[in-house]
N, C-alpha and C. Protein backbone atom coordinates (compact mmCIF):
# COMPACT_ATOMS: atom_id res chain seq x y z
N MET A 1 -20.45 -16.08 7.32
CA MET A 1 -19.31 -15.21 7.35
C MET A 1 -19.77 -13.78 7.64
N VAL A 2 -19.08 -13.09 8.51
CA VAL A 2 -19.42 -11.73 8.89
C VAL A 2 -19.03 -10.77 7.77
N LYS A 3 -19.97 -9.88 7.41
CA LYS A 3 -19.69 -8.90 6.36
C LYS A 3 -18.80 -7.81 6.94
N ARG A 4 -17.77 -7.47 6.19
CA ARG A 4 -16.81 -6.45 6.60
C ARG A 4 -17.40 -5.07 6.41
N THR A 5 -17.14 -4.18 7.36
CA THR A 5 -17.57 -2.79 7.24
C THR A 5 -16.74 -2.10 6.16
N SER A 6 -17.40 -1.35 5.31
CA SER A 6 -16.69 -0.60 4.27
C SER A 6 -16.45 0.83 4.74
N PHE A 7 -15.24 1.32 4.48
CA PHE A 7 -14.88 2.70 4.79
C PHE A 7 -14.76 3.53 3.50
N GLU A 8 -15.31 3.01 2.41
CA GLU A 8 -15.17 3.66 1.10
C GLU A 8 -15.65 5.11 1.11
N ARG A 9 -16.68 5.42 1.87
CA ARG A 9 -17.25 6.76 1.92
C ARG A 9 -16.86 7.52 3.19
N ASP A 10 -16.00 6.96 4.00
CA ASP A 10 -15.59 7.63 5.23
C ASP A 10 -14.83 8.91 4.89
N PRO A 11 -15.04 9.99 5.63
CA PRO A 11 -14.33 11.24 5.33
C PRO A 11 -12.84 11.20 5.67
N CYS A 12 -12.40 10.17 6.39
CA CYS A 12 -10.99 10.07 6.78
C CYS A 12 -10.19 9.35 5.69
N PRO A 13 -9.12 9.97 5.16
CA PRO A 13 -8.34 9.32 4.11
C PRO A 13 -7.62 8.06 4.58
N ILE A 14 -7.30 7.96 5.86
CA ILE A 14 -6.66 6.74 6.37
C ILE A 14 -7.65 5.59 6.32
N ALA A 15 -8.89 5.84 6.76
CA ALA A 15 -9.92 4.80 6.72
C ALA A 15 -10.18 4.36 5.28
N ARG A 16 -10.23 5.31 4.36
CA ARG A 16 -10.46 4.97 2.95
C ARG A 16 -9.33 4.10 2.40
N ALA A 17 -8.10 4.44 2.76
CA ALA A 17 -6.96 3.63 2.30
C ALA A 17 -7.04 2.23 2.89
N LEU A 18 -7.40 2.13 4.16
CA LEU A 18 -7.50 0.82 4.79
C LEU A 18 -8.62 -0.02 4.19
N ASP A 19 -9.62 0.63 3.62
CA ASP A 19 -10.69 -0.10 2.96
C ASP A 19 -10.14 -0.91 1.79
N VAL A 20 -9.09 -0.40 1.16
CA VAL A 20 -8.49 -1.06 0.00
C VAL A 20 -7.34 -1.98 0.41
N ILE A 21 -6.44 -1.50 1.26
CA ILE A 21 -5.20 -2.24 1.56
C ILE A 21 -5.05 -2.56 3.05
N GLY A 22 -6.16 -2.61 3.77
CA GLY A 22 -6.09 -2.72 5.23
C GLY A 22 -5.88 -4.11 5.79
N ASP A 23 -5.86 -5.12 4.97
CA ASP A 23 -5.57 -6.45 5.52
C ASP A 23 -4.14 -6.84 5.16
N TRP A 24 -3.54 -7.67 5.96
CA TRP A 24 -2.11 -7.99 5.77
C TRP A 24 -1.85 -8.68 4.45
N TRP A 25 -2.78 -9.50 3.96
CA TRP A 25 -2.53 -10.21 2.70
C TRP A 25 -2.37 -9.23 1.55
N SER A 26 -3.21 -8.21 1.50
CA SER A 26 -3.12 -7.24 0.39
C SER A 26 -1.77 -6.53 0.39
N LEU A 27 -1.31 -6.11 1.54
CA LEU A 27 -0.01 -5.44 1.62
C LEU A 27 1.12 -6.39 1.25
N LEU A 28 1.01 -7.65 1.65
CA LEU A 28 2.05 -8.61 1.30
C LEU A 28 2.03 -8.94 -0.19
N ILE A 29 0.86 -8.95 -0.81
CA ILE A 29 0.77 -9.15 -2.26
C ILE A 29 1.46 -7.98 -2.97
N VAL A 30 1.18 -6.76 -2.54
CA VAL A 30 1.83 -5.59 -3.15
C VAL A 30 3.34 -5.66 -2.92
N ARG A 31 3.75 -6.05 -1.73
CA ARG A 31 5.19 -6.19 -1.47
C ARG A 31 5.84 -7.13 -2.47
N GLU A 32 5.23 -8.28 -2.68
CA GLU A 32 5.78 -9.25 -3.62
C GLU A 32 5.77 -8.71 -5.05
N ALA A 33 4.71 -8.00 -5.42
CA ALA A 33 4.65 -7.42 -6.76
C ALA A 33 5.76 -6.39 -6.94
N LEU A 34 6.07 -5.63 -5.90
CA LEU A 34 7.17 -4.66 -5.98
C LEU A 34 8.51 -5.35 -6.23
N PHE A 35 8.63 -6.59 -5.79
CA PHE A 35 9.86 -7.35 -6.01
C PHE A 35 9.78 -8.22 -7.26
N GLY A 36 8.77 -8.01 -8.10
CA GLY A 36 8.72 -8.66 -9.40
C GLY A 36 7.83 -9.87 -9.54
N VAL A 37 7.13 -10.27 -8.49
CA VAL A 37 6.21 -11.40 -8.61
C VAL A 37 5.02 -10.95 -9.45
N ARG A 38 4.60 -11.81 -10.41
CA ARG A 38 3.55 -11.43 -11.35
C ARG A 38 2.43 -12.45 -11.50
N ARG A 39 2.73 -13.70 -11.26
CA ARG A 39 1.75 -14.75 -11.54
C ARG A 39 1.10 -15.26 -10.26
N PHE A 40 -0.15 -15.70 -10.42
CA PHE A 40 -0.92 -16.24 -9.31
C PHE A 40 -0.12 -17.31 -8.57
N SER A 41 0.45 -18.25 -9.30
CA SER A 41 1.17 -19.36 -8.67
C SER A 41 2.40 -18.87 -7.91
N GLU A 42 3.05 -17.81 -8.41
CA GLU A 42 4.20 -17.25 -7.71
C GLU A 42 3.78 -16.59 -6.40
N PHE A 43 2.67 -15.82 -6.45
CA PHE A 43 2.17 -15.21 -5.22
C PHE A 43 1.81 -16.29 -4.21
N GLN A 44 1.13 -17.32 -4.68
CA GLN A 44 0.70 -18.41 -3.79
C GLN A 44 1.90 -19.10 -3.18
N SER A 45 2.92 -19.36 -3.97
CA SER A 45 4.13 -20.03 -3.50
C SER A 45 4.89 -19.16 -2.49
N LYS A 46 5.08 -17.89 -2.82
CA LYS A 46 5.85 -16.98 -1.94
C LYS A 46 5.15 -16.71 -0.62
N LEU A 47 3.81 -16.57 -0.68
CA LEU A 47 3.07 -16.17 0.51
C LEU A 47 2.46 -17.34 1.27
N GLY A 48 2.30 -18.47 0.61
CA GLY A 48 1.73 -19.64 1.27
C GLY A 48 0.28 -19.45 1.69
N MET A 49 -0.45 -18.62 0.98
CA MET A 49 -1.83 -18.37 1.35
C MET A 49 -2.78 -19.25 0.55
N ALA A 50 -3.96 -19.44 1.09
CA ALA A 50 -4.97 -20.26 0.42
C ALA A 50 -5.34 -19.62 -0.92
N LYS A 51 -5.57 -20.47 -1.92
CA LYS A 51 -5.86 -19.98 -3.27
C LYS A 51 -7.11 -19.11 -3.32
N ASN A 52 -8.14 -19.47 -2.54
CA ASN A 52 -9.37 -18.68 -2.57
C ASN A 52 -9.15 -17.29 -1.98
N ILE A 53 -8.35 -17.19 -0.94
CA ILE A 53 -8.06 -15.88 -0.35
C ILE A 53 -7.20 -15.06 -1.30
N LEU A 54 -6.19 -15.69 -1.91
CA LEU A 54 -5.35 -14.99 -2.87
C LEU A 54 -6.19 -14.47 -4.04
N ALA A 55 -7.06 -15.31 -4.57
CA ALA A 55 -7.90 -14.90 -5.69
C ALA A 55 -8.77 -13.70 -5.30
N SER A 56 -9.33 -13.74 -4.12
CA SER A 56 -10.16 -12.64 -3.65
C SER A 56 -9.37 -11.34 -3.49
N ARG A 57 -8.19 -11.43 -2.88
CA ARG A 57 -7.35 -10.22 -2.68
C ARG A 57 -6.85 -9.67 -4.01
N LEU A 58 -6.44 -10.53 -4.92
CA LEU A 58 -6.00 -10.06 -6.23
C LEU A 58 -7.14 -9.37 -6.97
N ARG A 59 -8.32 -9.95 -6.90
CA ARG A 59 -9.50 -9.35 -7.55
C ARG A 59 -9.77 -7.96 -6.97
N THR A 60 -9.69 -7.82 -5.66
CA THR A 60 -9.91 -6.52 -5.01
C THR A 60 -8.85 -5.51 -5.42
N LEU A 61 -7.59 -5.93 -5.47
CA LEU A 61 -6.52 -5.03 -5.86
C LEU A 61 -6.66 -4.58 -7.32
N VAL A 62 -7.16 -5.48 -8.17
CA VAL A 62 -7.42 -5.11 -9.56
C VAL A 62 -8.61 -4.15 -9.62
N GLU A 63 -9.69 -4.46 -8.91
CA GLU A 63 -10.89 -3.61 -8.91
C GLU A 63 -10.58 -2.19 -8.44
N HIS A 64 -9.66 -2.06 -7.50
CA HIS A 64 -9.31 -0.74 -6.95
C HIS A 64 -8.15 -0.08 -7.71
N GLY A 65 -7.69 -0.72 -8.77
CA GLY A 65 -6.69 -0.09 -9.63
C GLY A 65 -5.26 -0.14 -9.15
N LEU A 66 -4.92 -1.04 -8.21
CA LEU A 66 -3.54 -1.17 -7.76
C LEU A 66 -2.76 -2.14 -8.63
N LEU A 67 -3.47 -3.10 -9.19
CA LEU A 67 -2.89 -4.07 -10.12
C LEU A 67 -3.72 -4.06 -11.40
N ARG A 68 -3.09 -4.45 -12.49
CA ARG A 68 -3.82 -4.67 -13.74
C ARG A 68 -3.43 -6.07 -14.24
N ILE A 69 -4.32 -6.66 -14.99
CA ILE A 69 -4.08 -8.00 -15.53
C ILE A 69 -3.63 -7.86 -16.98
N GLU A 70 -2.56 -8.55 -17.32
CA GLU A 70 -2.01 -8.55 -18.68
C GLU A 70 -1.77 -10.00 -19.10
N PRO A 71 -1.77 -10.27 -20.42
CA PRO A 71 -1.36 -11.61 -20.87
C PRO A 71 0.08 -11.87 -20.43
N ALA A 72 0.38 -13.12 -20.18
CA ALA A 72 1.72 -13.49 -19.73
C ALA A 72 2.77 -13.03 -20.74
N SER A 73 3.87 -12.51 -20.22
CA SER A 73 4.94 -11.97 -21.08
C SER A 73 5.65 -13.07 -21.88
N ASP A 74 5.50 -14.33 -21.45
CA ASP A 74 6.17 -15.40 -22.17
C ASP A 74 5.28 -16.02 -23.26
N GLY A 75 4.10 -15.44 -23.48
CA GLY A 75 3.22 -15.93 -24.53
C GLY A 75 2.38 -17.13 -24.13
N SER A 76 2.50 -17.58 -22.89
CA SER A 76 1.70 -18.73 -22.45
C SER A 76 0.25 -18.30 -22.23
N ALA A 77 -0.58 -19.26 -21.89
CA ALA A 77 -2.01 -18.99 -21.68
C ALA A 77 -2.29 -18.29 -20.35
N TYR A 78 -1.29 -18.18 -19.51
CA TYR A 78 -1.47 -17.54 -18.20
C TYR A 78 -1.58 -16.04 -18.35
N HIS A 79 -1.95 -15.40 -17.24
CA HIS A 79 -1.91 -13.94 -17.22
C HIS A 79 -1.09 -13.49 -16.02
N GLU A 80 -0.71 -12.24 -16.03
CA GLU A 80 0.14 -11.69 -14.99
C GLU A 80 -0.54 -10.48 -14.35
N TYR A 81 -0.18 -10.25 -13.10
CA TYR A 81 -0.66 -9.10 -12.34
C TYR A 81 0.48 -8.10 -12.27
N LEU A 82 0.25 -6.91 -12.82
CA LEU A 82 1.28 -5.88 -12.85
C LEU A 82 0.82 -4.69 -12.02
N LEU A 83 1.76 -4.11 -11.28
CA LEU A 83 1.44 -2.93 -10.49
C LEU A 83 1.14 -1.74 -11.39
N THR A 84 0.18 -0.97 -11.00
CA THR A 84 -0.13 0.30 -11.65
C THR A 84 0.62 1.40 -10.88
N PRO A 85 0.61 2.63 -11.37
CA PRO A 85 1.20 3.71 -10.57
C PRO A 85 0.57 3.81 -9.18
N LYS A 86 -0.73 3.58 -9.09
CA LYS A 86 -1.41 3.60 -7.79
C LYS A 86 -0.84 2.50 -6.88
N GLY A 87 -0.59 1.33 -7.43
CA GLY A 87 -0.02 0.23 -6.65
C GLY A 87 1.41 0.52 -6.22
N ARG A 88 2.21 1.07 -7.14
CA ARG A 88 3.59 1.43 -6.79
C ARG A 88 3.63 2.54 -5.75
N GLY A 89 2.56 3.32 -5.67
CA GLY A 89 2.48 4.39 -4.68
C GLY A 89 2.45 3.90 -3.25
N ILE A 90 2.23 2.61 -3.05
CA ILE A 90 2.23 2.03 -1.70
C ILE A 90 3.65 1.79 -1.19
N PHE A 91 4.63 1.87 -2.07
CA PHE A 91 6.02 1.60 -1.67
C PHE A 91 6.44 2.38 -0.41
N PRO A 92 6.24 3.70 -0.34
CA PRO A 92 6.66 4.40 0.88
C PRO A 92 5.91 3.94 2.13
N VAL A 93 4.67 3.50 1.96
CA VAL A 93 3.90 2.98 3.09
C VAL A 93 4.56 1.71 3.61
N LEU A 94 4.95 0.83 2.70
CA LEU A 94 5.61 -0.42 3.11
C LEU A 94 6.97 -0.14 3.74
N VAL A 95 7.70 0.84 3.21
CA VAL A 95 8.99 1.21 3.80
C VAL A 95 8.77 1.74 5.22
N ALA A 96 7.74 2.58 5.40
CA ALA A 96 7.45 3.11 6.73
C ALA A 96 7.10 1.99 7.70
N LEU A 97 6.29 1.02 7.27
CA LEU A 97 5.96 -0.12 8.13
C LEU A 97 7.20 -0.94 8.47
N ARG A 98 8.03 -1.15 7.48
CA ARG A 98 9.28 -1.90 7.69
C ARG A 98 10.17 -1.19 8.72
N GLN A 99 10.36 0.11 8.52
CA GLN A 99 11.24 0.87 9.42
C GLN A 99 10.66 0.95 10.83
N TRP A 100 9.37 1.03 10.94
CA TRP A 100 8.73 1.02 12.26
C TRP A 100 9.03 -0.31 12.96
N SER A 101 8.87 -1.42 12.22
CA SER A 101 9.14 -2.74 12.78
C SER A 101 10.61 -2.89 13.15
N GLU A 102 11.51 -2.40 12.30
CA GLU A 102 12.94 -2.49 12.60
C GLU A 102 13.30 -1.71 13.86
N GLU A 103 12.56 -0.65 14.14
CA GLU A 103 12.85 0.15 15.33
C GLU A 103 12.21 -0.41 16.60
N PHE A 104 11.01 -0.97 16.49
CA PHE A 104 10.26 -1.33 17.70
C PHE A 104 10.01 -2.81 17.90
N ASP A 105 10.34 -3.65 16.96
CA ASP A 105 10.12 -5.09 17.11
C ASP A 105 10.99 -5.61 18.26
N ALA A 106 10.42 -6.48 19.06
CA ALA A 106 11.15 -7.03 20.20
C ALA A 106 12.27 -7.98 19.77
N HIS A 107 12.23 -8.46 18.54
CA HIS A 107 13.23 -9.43 18.08
C HIS A 107 13.82 -8.98 16.74
N THR A 108 14.41 -7.82 16.71
CA THR A 108 14.96 -7.29 15.45
C THR A 108 16.08 -8.17 14.90
N ASP A 109 16.73 -8.94 15.76
CA ASP A 109 17.78 -9.83 15.30
C ASP A 109 17.25 -10.93 14.39
N GLU A 110 15.94 -11.15 14.39
CA GLU A 110 15.33 -12.17 13.55
C GLU A 110 14.92 -11.63 12.18
N ILE A 111 15.02 -10.32 11.97
CA ILE A 111 14.67 -9.74 10.67
C ILE A 111 15.78 -10.11 9.70
N ALA A 112 15.41 -10.77 8.62
CA ALA A 112 16.39 -11.41 7.74
C ALA A 112 17.03 -10.50 6.70
N THR A 113 16.44 -9.34 6.45
CA THR A 113 16.93 -8.50 5.37
C THR A 113 17.08 -7.04 5.81
N VAL A 114 17.81 -6.30 5.02
CA VAL A 114 17.98 -4.86 5.21
C VAL A 114 17.63 -4.20 3.87
N LEU A 115 16.86 -3.13 3.92
CA LEU A 115 16.52 -2.41 2.69
C LEU A 115 17.69 -1.49 2.35
N VAL A 116 18.25 -1.68 1.16
CA VAL A 116 19.42 -0.90 0.75
C VAL A 116 19.18 -0.24 -0.60
N ASP A 117 19.93 0.81 -0.84
CA ASP A 117 19.96 1.49 -2.13
C ASP A 117 20.66 0.56 -3.11
N ARG A 118 20.01 0.22 -4.19
CA ARG A 118 20.57 -0.71 -5.18
C ARG A 118 21.90 -0.21 -5.74
N ASN A 119 22.05 1.12 -5.93
CA ASN A 119 23.27 1.66 -6.51
C ASN A 119 24.45 1.64 -5.55
N SER A 120 24.22 2.03 -4.30
CA SER A 120 25.34 2.15 -3.36
C SER A 120 25.49 0.94 -2.45
N GLY A 121 24.43 0.17 -2.29
CA GLY A 121 24.46 -0.95 -1.36
C GLY A 121 24.32 -0.52 0.10
N ARG A 122 24.10 0.77 0.32
CA ARG A 122 23.99 1.30 1.68
C ARG A 122 22.53 1.28 2.14
N PRO A 123 22.30 1.11 3.45
CA PRO A 123 20.93 1.10 3.97
C PRO A 123 20.18 2.39 3.62
N VAL A 124 18.88 2.24 3.40
CA VAL A 124 18.02 3.37 3.10
C VAL A 124 17.83 4.19 4.37
N LYS A 125 17.89 5.51 4.23
CA LYS A 125 17.71 6.43 5.34
C LYS A 125 16.28 6.34 5.86
N LYS A 126 16.10 6.51 7.15
CA LYS A 126 14.77 6.46 7.75
C LYS A 126 13.89 7.57 7.17
N LEU A 127 12.64 7.21 6.86
CA LEU A 127 11.69 8.20 6.35
C LEU A 127 11.43 9.25 7.41
N GLU A 128 11.27 10.48 6.96
CA GLU A 128 10.99 11.59 7.86
C GLU A 128 9.91 12.46 7.24
N LEU A 129 9.18 13.15 8.09
CA LEU A 129 8.16 14.07 7.63
C LEU A 129 8.67 15.49 7.83
N HIS A 130 8.67 16.25 6.76
CA HIS A 130 9.20 17.61 6.80
C HIS A 130 8.13 18.63 6.43
N ALA A 131 8.21 19.80 7.06
CA ALA A 131 7.35 20.93 6.71
C ALA A 131 7.80 21.48 5.37
N GLU A 132 6.99 22.34 4.78
CA GLU A 132 7.36 22.94 3.51
C GLU A 132 8.68 23.69 3.59
N ASP A 133 8.99 24.23 4.77
CA ASP A 133 10.25 24.98 4.93
C ASP A 133 11.43 24.09 5.29
N GLY A 134 11.20 22.76 5.32
CA GLY A 134 12.29 21.83 5.57
C GLY A 134 12.44 21.35 7.00
N ARG A 135 11.71 21.96 7.94
CA ARG A 135 11.79 21.53 9.34
C ARG A 135 11.29 20.09 9.49
N LEU A 136 11.97 19.32 10.35
CA LEU A 136 11.53 17.97 10.68
C LEU A 136 10.30 18.09 11.58
N LEU A 137 9.25 17.35 11.27
CA LEU A 137 8.01 17.43 12.03
C LEU A 137 7.80 16.18 12.87
N ALA A 138 7.32 16.39 14.10
CA ALA A 138 6.89 15.33 15.00
C ALA A 138 5.36 15.36 15.04
N PRO A 139 4.70 14.33 15.57
CA PRO A 139 3.24 14.34 15.61
C PRO A 139 2.66 15.61 16.24
N GLY A 140 3.27 16.09 17.31
CA GLY A 140 2.76 17.29 17.97
C GLY A 140 2.91 18.56 17.16
N ASP A 141 3.67 18.49 16.08
CA ASP A 141 3.86 19.66 15.21
C ASP A 141 2.82 19.74 14.10
N THR A 142 1.90 18.78 14.07
CA THR A 142 0.90 18.75 13.01
C THR A 142 -0.50 18.81 13.61
N THR A 143 -1.45 19.19 12.80
CA THR A 143 -2.86 19.19 13.18
C THR A 143 -3.68 19.01 11.91
N LEU A 144 -4.96 18.76 12.06
CA LEU A 144 -5.86 18.63 10.93
C LEU A 144 -6.76 19.85 10.87
N GLN A 145 -7.08 20.29 9.68
CA GLN A 145 -8.03 21.37 9.52
C GLN A 145 -8.92 21.06 8.33
N PRO A 146 -10.09 21.68 8.29
CA PRO A 146 -11.00 21.40 7.17
C PRO A 146 -10.35 21.71 5.83
N ARG A 147 -10.66 20.88 4.87
CA ARG A 147 -10.17 21.08 3.51
C ARG A 147 -10.89 22.28 2.91
N SER A 148 -10.18 23.07 2.13
CA SER A 148 -10.80 24.18 1.42
C SER A 148 -11.85 23.64 0.47
N PRO A 149 -12.98 24.32 0.35
CA PRO A 149 -14.01 23.83 -0.58
C PRO A 149 -13.45 23.73 -1.99
N VAL A 150 -13.68 22.58 -2.61
CA VAL A 150 -13.24 22.35 -3.99
C VAL A 150 -14.37 21.67 -4.72
N LYS A 151 -14.33 21.75 -6.03
CA LYS A 151 -15.33 21.04 -6.81
C LYS A 151 -15.12 19.54 -6.68
N SER A 152 -16.19 18.83 -6.42
CA SER A 152 -16.13 17.38 -6.33
C SER A 152 -15.84 16.81 -7.71
N LYS A 153 -14.98 15.81 -7.78
CA LYS A 153 -14.64 15.18 -9.06
C LYS A 153 -15.85 14.49 -9.68
N LYS A 154 -16.68 13.89 -8.83
CA LYS A 154 -17.78 13.08 -9.35
C LYS A 154 -19.03 13.90 -9.63
N SER A 155 -19.42 14.77 -8.72
CA SER A 155 -20.71 15.43 -8.87
C SER A 155 -20.63 16.86 -9.34
N GLY A 156 -19.46 17.47 -9.29
CA GLY A 156 -19.32 18.86 -9.68
C GLY A 156 -19.81 19.81 -8.61
N THR A 157 -20.16 19.28 -7.43
CA THR A 157 -20.63 20.15 -6.35
C THR A 157 -19.46 20.60 -5.51
N ARG A 158 -19.73 21.62 -4.71
CA ARG A 158 -18.70 22.13 -3.82
C ARG A 158 -18.99 21.63 -2.42
N GLY A 159 -17.91 21.41 -1.66
CA GLY A 159 -18.10 20.97 -0.28
C GLY A 159 -16.78 20.62 0.33
N SER A 160 -16.82 20.40 1.63
CA SER A 160 -15.60 19.98 2.32
C SER A 160 -15.95 18.90 3.31
N ALA A 161 -15.02 18.03 3.56
CA ALA A 161 -15.22 16.95 4.50
C ALA A 161 -14.78 17.39 5.89
N PRO A 162 -15.43 16.89 6.92
CA PRO A 162 -14.98 17.21 8.26
C PRO A 162 -13.60 16.60 8.50
N PRO A 163 -12.79 17.25 9.31
CA PRO A 163 -11.43 16.74 9.55
C PRO A 163 -11.45 15.44 10.34
N ARG A 164 -10.42 14.63 10.11
CA ARG A 164 -10.22 13.39 10.89
C ARG A 164 -8.75 13.23 11.10
C-alpha cells in the first residue's frame, strides 16, 4: 500500500485541513454525525463503507479531535462517536460544498434534498464572503500576505509562515 503524504506541517492552512478531512469518507462521516449518527454500525449502514476503512477514518477523526468516544447513551456495552466543537466547525465547509454542487452539478435534478432552516422551512441562503466593512468579496478581491509574527503555541518562538 502506498504511504500517503502528510501535510501536517505544511505552511498552507488548506493543505493542513485536507490532511485531516481531505478524503471523501471523512467528510461523509462528519456529515452523518451532524445529522445525529453516533454508532459504528449506523455509520456503516448509512455510508455502506467497508468496516476496516470506517474504523480507520473514525480513529483518525478521534485522534485529530473532531470526534470523541463516549459510552453509549442507552447504557449498552457499545460506544458512540460524538462531534466536538472542532468537528461541528466543519458544518460551513459541508454547506459550501453542497451549494457548489447544487450550482454546478450537471444533474442537479437528481439531488434528493434541499438544505432548509428548521424554523422557517425555507432554503438556506447561499454562503457569501464579506469584507470587514460588509462588501461582498470575489476571489479577485482577496490576496494572501505574510502573517504578523506571533508567539508559537508550541515552542514559544516567534516567526511567520510564508503565504500560500
